[in-house]
Amino acid sequence: MIAISYLGGDILRTWLKELRKNKNLTQAELAKILGIRQNYYCEIENGKKQPELFFATAIKLADIFGLTLEEIRSLETEVKA
């Protein structure tokens, strides 16, 4: 897999948590949709894991939350700024 972006820190955690809650999804539900373990997703949201965001996952996130891949990728700029 090729990472399209590295999203870390509070921006990723806050962003995922807010979008997930706006869609009324539990951590377990979103983890299942993304094809990852619920424990792993929980660690991401709680800041214990700093994952690379892979293309397939980015596409799923964009689809779930009605975003473009560019909007997801733009978070990288915010993290580096």
Protein backbone atom coordinates (compact mmCIF):
# COMPACT_ATOMS: atom_id res chain seq x y z
CA MET A 1 0.00 0.00 0.00
CA ILE A 2 1.10 3.53 -0.67
CA ALA A 3 0.32 6.22 1.86
CA ILE A 4 -1.12 9.35 0.29
CA SER A 5 -0.69 11.41 3.39
CA TYR A 6 0.32 11.22 7.03
CA LEU A 7 -2.25 12.68 9.34
CA GLY A 8 -1.31 12.88 12.96
CA GLY A 9 -1.89 14.59 16.24
CA ASP A 10 -4.95 16.37 17.47
CA ILE A 11 -6.18 17.34 13.99
CA LEU A 12 -6.75 13.72 12.94
CA ARG A 13 -8.29 12.69 16.25
CA THR A 14 -10.64 15.65 16.43
CA TRP A 15 -11.59 15.44 12.76
CA LEU A 16 -12.42 11.73 12.82
CA LYS A 17 -14.32 11.93 16.08
CA GLU A 18 -16.45 14.89 15.00
CA LEU A 19 -17.25 13.43 11.59
CA ARG A 20 -18.05 10.03 13.11
CA LYS A 21 -20.42 11.56 15.66
CA ASN A 22 -22.09 13.74 13.01
CA LYS A 23 -22.92 10.53 11.12
CA ASN A 24 -24.17 8.88 14.34
CA LEU A 25 -21.63 6.07 13.99
CA THR A 26 -19.99 4.23 16.85
CA GLN A 27 -16.27 3.56 16.81
CA ALA A 28 -17.04 -0.10 16.15
CA GLU A 29 -19.31 0.73 13.18
CA LEU A 30 -16.77 3.03 11.54
CA ALA A 31 -13.95 0.57 12.14
CA LYS A 32 -15.98 -2.15 10.43
CA ILE A 33 -16.69 0.10 7.44
CA LEU A 34 -12.99 0.99 7.17
CA GLY A 35 -11.96 -2.65 7.51
CA ILE A 36 -9.87 -2.18 10.64
CA ARG A 37 -10.14 -3.53 14.17
CA GLN A 38 -12.31 -1.51 16.56
CA ASN A 39 -9.50 -1.43 19.13
CA TYR A 40 -7.13 0.03 16.54
CA TYR A 41 -9.65 2.71 15.55
CA CYS A 42 -10.20 3.56 19.22
CA GLU A 43 -6.44 3.99 19.67
CA ILE A 44 -6.35 6.34 16.67
CA GLU A 45 -9.19 8.46 18.04
CA ASN A 46 -7.63 8.54 21.50
CA GLY A 47 -4.21 9.56 20.16
CA LYS A 48 -2.43 6.33 21.05
CA LYS A 49 -1.77 5.43 17.39
CA GLN A 50 -0.66 7.74 14.59
CA PRO A 51 -1.51 5.81 11.42
CA GLU A 52 -0.62 6.55 7.87
CA LEU A 53 -3.75 7.16 5.87
CA PHE A 54 -3.70 4.75 2.95
CA PHE A 55 -5.43 5.43 -0.32
CA ALA A 56 -8.15 2.80 0.14
CA THR A 57 -8.96 4.14 3.61
CA ALA A 58 -8.95 7.72 2.34
CA ILE A 59 -11.47 6.79 -0.36
CA LYS A 60 -13.73 5.15 2.24
CA LEU A 61 -13.50 8.18 4.54
CA ALA A 62 -14.28 10.54 1.68
CA ASP A 63 -17.31 8.45 0.72
CA ILE A 64 -18.60 8.08 4.29
CA PHE A 65 -18.29 11.77 5.14
CA GLY A 66 -19.06 13.27 1.72
CA LEU A 67 -15.62 14.80 1.27
CA THR A 68 -13.21 14.90 -1.62
CA LEU A 69 -9.81 13.27 -1.44
CA GLU A 70 -8.32 16.75 -1.71
CA GLU A 71 -10.18 17.85 1.43
CA ILE A 72 -8.77 14.86 3.29
CA ARG A 73 -5.29 15.50 1.92
CA SER A 74 -5.49 19.17 2.91
CA LEU A 75 -5.29 18.10 6.54
CA GLU A 76 -1.65 17.20 5.88
CA THR A 77 -0.95 20.87 5.21
CA GLU A 78 -2.60 21.84 8.51
CA VAL A 79 -0.50 19.30 10.40
CA LYS A 80 2.77 20.55 8.85
CA ALA A 81 1.93 24.27 9.24
